[in-house]
Amino acid sequence: MTTAPAPDPAYLISRERLIKAPAERIFEVLARPALHSVIDGSGTVRGEQPNGPERLSLGARFGMEMRIGAPYRILNRVTEFEEGRRIAWRHFSAHVWRYTLEPRGDSTLVREEWDGRAVPWRIAFRLAGFTRRHPASIEATLAKLEDHVLQEQRRG
């Protein structure tokens, strides 16, 4: 019998940003794979794969064109979904990308998390430098998300 490793907080990376926009508007961007490359702060998300859903929902599968050194494709599945409040997805390696949105008056506190605590071979993430790079990438993603949402608001 195999047991899963105990969760390790070093593999939960989380950043927050207060964005002056309604949660619903922000969530709409996160729920559309076509916009993920627009808001990606890591420089690894190149675009969505064809034939995926236009808008995500619980259990939806969607593919993304990626590049870390060499180009590759990855298939994700939405594992958490609460309209306007929470969305998360994962692929084969079991780490989770999660966004939670908390309305705060006319703004929204957006939290992005990379959760690799359940991955049995998570030490590989550290050796590859992901745990070192993800904080800055997440902060850049939240900044690009804010810029995109505010530009959309100005356009009406």
C-alpha atoms as a PDB file:
ATOM      1  CA  MET A   1       0.000   0.000   0.000  1.00  0.00           C
ATOM      2  CA  THR A   2       1.307   3.441  -0.915  1.00  0.00           C
ATOM      3  CA  THR A   3       0.544   6.535   1.088  1.00  0.00           C
ATOM      4  CA  ALA A   4       0.622  10.072  -0.184  1.00  0.00           C
ATOM      5  CA  PRO A   5       3.303  12.332   1.241  1.00  0.00           C
ATOM      6  CA  ALA A   6       2.278  14.802   3.915  1.00  0.00           C
ATOM      7  CA  PRO A   7       1.429  18.247   2.524  1.00  0.00           C
ATOM      8  CA  ASP A   8       4.402  20.600   2.559  1.00  0.00           C
ATOM      9  CA  PRO A   9       3.650  24.334   2.889  1.00  0.00           C
ATOM     10  CA  ALA A  10       6.786  25.144   0.872  1.00  0.00           C
ATOM     11  CA  TYR A  11       4.847  23.931  -2.168  1.00  0.00           C
ATOM     12  CA  LEU A  12       1.919  26.300  -1.716  1.00  0.00           C
ATOM     13  CA  ILE A  13       2.742  29.651  -3.289  1.00  0.00           C
ATOM     14  CA  SER A  14       0.110  32.346  -2.966  1.00  0.00           C
ATOM     15  CA  ARG A  15      -0.074  36.027  -3.828  1.00  0.00           C
ATOM     16  CA  GLU A  16      -2.906  38.574  -3.623  1.00  0.00           C
ATOM     17  CA  ARG A  17      -3.839  41.790  -5.370  1.00  0.00           C
ATOM     18  CA  LEU A  18      -6.716  44.193  -4.755  1.00  0.00           C
ATOM     19  CA  ILE A  19      -8.232  45.068  -8.130  1.00  0.00           C
ATOM     20  CA  LYS A  20     -10.708  47.923  -8.510  1.00  0.00           C
ATOM     21  CA  ALA A  21     -13.266  45.892 -10.454  1.00  0.00           C
ATOM     22  CA  PRO A  22     -16.206  43.610  -9.681  1.00  0.00           C
ATOM     23  CA  ALA A  23     -15.457  39.935  -9.040  1.00  0.00           C
ATOM     24  CA  GLU A  24     -17.739  38.886 -11.907  1.00  0.00           C
ATOM     25  CA  ARG A  25     -15.711  40.858 -14.455  1.00  0.00           C
ATOM     26  CA  ILE A  26     -12.419  39.403 -13.198  1.00  0.00           C
ATOM     27  CA  PHE A  27     -13.830  35.876 -13.064  1.00  0.00           C
ATOM     28  CA  GLU A  28     -14.984  36.179 -16.671  1.00  0.00           C
ATOM     29  CA  VAL A  29     -11.362  36.652 -17.758  1.00  0.00           C
ATOM     30  CA  LEU A  30     -10.167  33.676 -15.694  1.00  0.00           C
ATOM     31  CA  ALA A  31     -12.947  31.444 -17.050  1.00  0.00           C
ATOM     32  CA  ARG A  32     -11.951  32.038 -20.692  1.00  0.00           C
ATOM     33  CA  PRO A  33      -8.888  30.020 -21.817  1.00  0.00           C
ATOM     34  CA  ALA A  34      -8.427  32.330 -24.814  1.00  0.00           C
ATOM     35  CA  LEU A  35      -7.395  35.078 -22.370  1.00  0.00           C
ATOM     36  CA  HIS A  36      -4.930  33.036 -20.310  1.00  0.00           C
ATOM     37  CA  SER A  37      -1.983  33.898 -22.564  1.00  0.00           C
ATOM     38  CA  VAL A  38      -2.941  37.591 -22.329  1.00  0.00           C
ATOM     39  CA  ILE A  39      -2.698  37.634 -18.528  1.00  0.00           C
ATOM     40  CA  ASP A  40       0.135  35.107 -18.056  1.00  0.00           C
ATOM     41  CA  GLY A  41       3.049  36.655 -16.188  1.00  0.00           C
ATOM     42  CA  SER A  42       5.373  33.669 -16.511  1.00  0.00           C
ATOM     43  CA  GLY A  43       5.864  33.897 -20.267  1.00  0.00           C
ATOM     44  CA  THR A  44       5.079  30.188 -20.654  1.00  0.00           C
ATOM     45  CA  VAL A  45       1.425  30.252 -21.790  1.00  0.00           C
ATOM     46  CA  ARG A  46       1.319  30.758 -25.564  1.00  0.00           C
ATOM     47  CA  GLY A  47      -2.370  30.227 -26.338  1.00  0.00           C
ATOM     48  CA  GLU A  48      -5.288  27.863 -26.137  1.00  0.00           C
ATOM     49  CA  GLN A  49      -5.582  24.675 -28.158  1.00  0.00           C
ATOM     50  CA  PRO A  50      -8.437  24.553 -30.681  1.00  0.00           C
ATOM     51  CA  ASN A  51     -11.722  22.763 -29.952  1.00  0.00           C
ATOM     52  CA  GLY A  52     -11.709  23.524 -26.234  1.00  0.00           C
ATOM     53  CA  PRO A  53     -14.534  25.220 -24.367  1.00  0.00           C
ATOM     54  CA  GLU A  54     -14.974  28.950 -24.844  1.00  0.00           C
ATOM     55  CA  ARG A  55     -15.778  29.270 -21.143  1.00  0.00           C
ATOM     56  CA  LEU A  56     -14.724  26.961 -18.331  1.00  0.00           C
ATOM     57  CA  SER A  57     -17.000  25.089 -15.931  1.00  0.00           C
ATOM     58  CA  LEU A  58     -16.534  22.358 -13.338  1.00  0.00           C
ATOM     59  CA  GLY A  59     -14.990  19.288 -14.969  1.00  0.00           C
ATOM     60  CA  ALA A  60     -14.225  21.087 -18.246  1.00  0.00           C
ATOM     61  CA  ARG A  61     -11.089  19.973 -20.068  1.00  0.00           C
ATOM     62  CA  PHE A  62      -9.037  22.517 -21.969  1.00  0.00           C
ATOM     63  CA  GLY A  63      -5.664  22.418 -23.647  1.00  0.00           C
ATOM     64  CA  MET A  64      -3.015  25.105 -23.709  1.00  0.00           C
ATOM     65  CA  GLU A  65       0.003  25.708 -25.920  1.00  0.00           C
ATOM     66  CA  MET A  66       2.996  26.192 -23.638  1.00  0.00           C
ATOM     67  CA  ARG A  67       6.705  26.850 -23.803  1.00  0.00           C
ATOM     68  CA  ILE A  68       9.377  26.268 -21.196  1.00  0.00           C
ATOM     69  CA  GLY A  69      12.479  25.953 -23.330  1.00  0.00           C
ATOM     70  CA  ALA A  70      10.703  23.844 -25.962  1.00  0.00           C
ATOM     71  CA  PRO A  71       7.054  24.184 -27.004  1.00  0.00           C
ATOM     72  CA  TYR A  72       4.565  21.643 -25.673  1.00  0.00           C
ATOM     73  CA  ARG A  73       0.847  21.145 -25.109  1.00  0.00           C
ATOM     74  CA  ILE A  74      -0.870  20.456 -21.823  1.00  0.00           C
ATOM     75  CA  LEU A  75      -4.408  19.253 -21.080  1.00  0.00           C
ATOM     76  CA  ASN A  76      -6.034  20.677 -17.946  1.00  0.00           C
ATOM     77  CA  ARG A  77      -9.222  19.809 -16.069  1.00  0.00           C
ATOM     78  CA  VAL A  78     -11.228  22.267 -13.958  1.00  0.00           C
ATOM     79  CA  THR A  79     -11.363  20.817 -10.432  1.00  0.00           C
ATOM     80  CA  GLU A  80     -12.975  23.687  -8.494  1.00  0.00           C
ATOM     81  CA  PHE A  81     -15.591  26.090  -9.763  1.00  0.00           C
ATOM     82  CA  GLU A  82     -17.796  28.549  -7.924  1.00  0.00           C
ATOM     83  CA  GLU A  83     -19.180  31.160 -10.308  1.00  0.00           C
ATOM     84  CA  GLY A  84     -17.632  34.561  -9.651  1.00  0.00           C
ATOM     85  CA  ARG A  85     -15.615  33.334  -6.649  1.00  0.00           C
ATOM     86  CA  ARG A  86     -13.281  30.377  -7.278  1.00  0.00           C
ATOM     87  CA  ILE A  87     -11.753  28.484 -10.174  1.00  0.00           C
ATOM     88  CA  ALA A  88      -8.939  25.929 -10.185  1.00  0.00           C
ATOM     89  CA  TRP A  89      -7.452  23.487 -12.655  1.00  0.00           C
ATOM     90  CA  ARG A  90      -4.781  20.845 -12.825  1.00  0.00           C
ATOM     91  CA  HIS A  91      -3.148  18.551 -15.336  1.00  0.00           C
ATOM     92  CA  PHE A  92      -1.460  15.156 -15.086  1.00  0.00           C
ATOM     93  CA  SER A  93       1.161  16.195 -12.542  1.00  0.00           C
ATOM     94  CA  ALA A  94      -1.469  16.938  -9.851  1.00  0.00           C
ATOM     95  CA  HIS A  95      -0.400  20.473  -8.976  1.00  0.00           C
ATOM     96  CA  VAL A  96      -3.242  22.982  -8.949  1.00  0.00           C
ATOM     97  CA  TRP A  97      -3.548  26.546 -10.196  1.00  0.00           C
ATOM     98  CA  ARG A  98      -6.286  28.273  -8.176  1.00  0.00           C
ATOM     99  CA  TYR A  99      -7.865  31.717  -8.175  1.00  0.00           C
ATOM    100  CA  THR A 100     -10.179  32.944  -5.426  1.00  0.00           C
ATOM    101  CA  LEU A 101     -12.023  36.241  -5.572  1.00  0.00           C
ATOM    102  CA  GLU A 102     -13.367  38.129  -2.544  1.00  0.00           C
ATOM    103  CA  PRO A 103     -15.492  41.233  -3.179  1.00  0.00           C
ATOM    104  CA  ARG A 104     -14.352  44.251  -1.150  1.00  0.00           C
ATOM    105  CA  GLY A 105     -16.701  47.153  -1.819  1.00  0.00           C
ATOM    106  CA  ASP A 106     -16.063  48.338  -5.390  1.00  0.00           C
ATOM    107  CA  SER A 107     -12.891  46.207  -5.578  1.00  0.00           C
ATOM    108  CA  THR A 108     -12.002  42.514  -5.454  1.00  0.00           C
ATOM    109  CA  LEU A 109      -9.211  40.776  -3.600  1.00  0.00           C
ATOM    110  CA  VAL A 110      -7.791  38.253  -6.080  1.00  0.00           C
ATOM    111  CA  ARG A 111      -5.652  35.418  -4.743  1.00  0.00           C
ATOM    112  CA  GLU A 112      -3.684  33.206  -7.099  1.00  0.00           C
ATOM    113  CA  GLU A 113      -2.203  29.989  -5.756  1.00  0.00           C
ATOM    114  CA  TRP A 114       0.095  27.352  -7.135  1.00  0.00           C
ATOM    115  CA  ASP A 115      -0.442  24.270  -4.993  1.00  0.00           C
ATOM    116  CA  GLY A 116       2.048  21.460  -5.459  1.00  0.00           C
ATOM    117  CA  ARG A 117       1.632  19.954  -1.980  1.00  0.00           C
ATOM    118  CA  ALA A 118      -0.130  16.800  -3.206  1.00  0.00           C
ATOM    119  CA  VAL A 119       2.430  15.944  -5.891  1.00  0.00           C
ATOM    120  CA  PRO A 120       4.376  12.812  -4.836  1.00  0.00           C
ATOM    121  CA  TRP A 121       7.537  13.853  -6.731  1.00  0.00           C
ATOM    122  CA  ARG A 122       7.289  17.549  -5.835  1.00  0.00           C
ATOM    123  CA  ILE A 123      11.014  17.832  -5.099  1.00  0.00           C
ATOM    124  CA  ALA A 124      11.423  17.914  -8.893  1.00  0.00           C
ATOM    125  CA  PHE A 125       9.608  21.277  -8.903  1.00  0.00           C
ATOM    126  CA  ARG A 126      12.155  22.691  -6.484  1.00  0.00           C
ATOM    127  CA  LEU A 127      15.102  21.254  -8.417  1.00  0.00           C
ATOM    128  CA  ALA A 128      13.704  22.729 -11.655  1.00  0.00           C
ATOM    129  CA  GLY A 129      13.404  26.142  -9.974  1.00  0.00           C
ATOM    130  CA  PHE A 130       9.611  26.404 -10.134  1.00  0.00           C
ATOM    131  CA  THR A 131       9.180  27.161  -6.438  1.00  0.00           C
ATOM    132  CA  ARG A 132      11.767  29.952  -6.776  1.00  0.00           C
ATOM    133  CA  ARG A 133      10.250  31.476  -9.951  1.00  0.00           C
ATOM    134  CA  HIS A 134       6.536  31.125  -9.229  1.00  0.00           C
ATOM    135  CA  PRO A 135       6.163  34.011  -6.729  1.00  0.00           C
ATOM    136  CA  ALA A 136       7.337  36.603  -9.269  1.00  0.00           C
ATOM    137  CA  SER A 137       5.360  34.951 -12.075  1.00  0.00           C
ATOM    138  CA  ILE A 138       2.184  34.989  -9.988  1.00  0.00           C
ATOM    139  CA  GLU A 139       2.691  38.650  -9.083  1.00  0.00           C
ATOM    140  CA  ALA A 140       3.213  39.478 -12.768  1.00  0.00           C
ATOM    141  CA  THR A 141       0.082  37.523 -13.715  1.00  0.00           C
ATOM    142  CA  LEU A 142      -2.016  39.409 -11.171  1.00  0.00           C
ATOM    143  CA  ALA A 143      -0.663  42.728 -12.488  1.00  0.00           C
ATOM    144  CA  LYS A 144      -1.490  41.739 -16.083  1.00  0.00           C
ATOM    145  CA  LEU A 145      -4.936  40.533 -14.995  1.00  0.00           C
ATOM    146  CA  GLU A 146      -5.557  43.907 -13.369  1.00  0.00           C
ATOM    147  CA  ASP A 147      -4.348  45.815 -16.450  1.00  0.00           C
ATOM    148  CA  HIS A 148      -6.543  43.723 -18.752  1.00  0.00           C
ATOM    149  CA  VAL A 149      -9.672  44.063 -16.604  1.00  0.00           C
ATOM    150  CA  LEU A 150      -9.219  47.816 -16.137  1.00  0.00           C
ATOM    151  CA  GLN A 151      -8.699  48.308 -19.889  1.00  0.00           C
ATOM    152  CA  GLU A 152     -11.905  46.352 -20.550  1.00  0.00           C
ATOM    153  CA  GLN A 153     -13.766  48.515 -18.011  1.00  0.00           C
ATOM    154  CA  ARG A 154     -12.586  51.725 -19.687  1.00  0.00           C
ATOM    155  CA  ARG A 155     -13.778  50.429 -23.069  1.00  0.00           C
ATOM    156  CA  GLY A 156     -17.179  49.743 -21.523  1.00  0.00           C
END
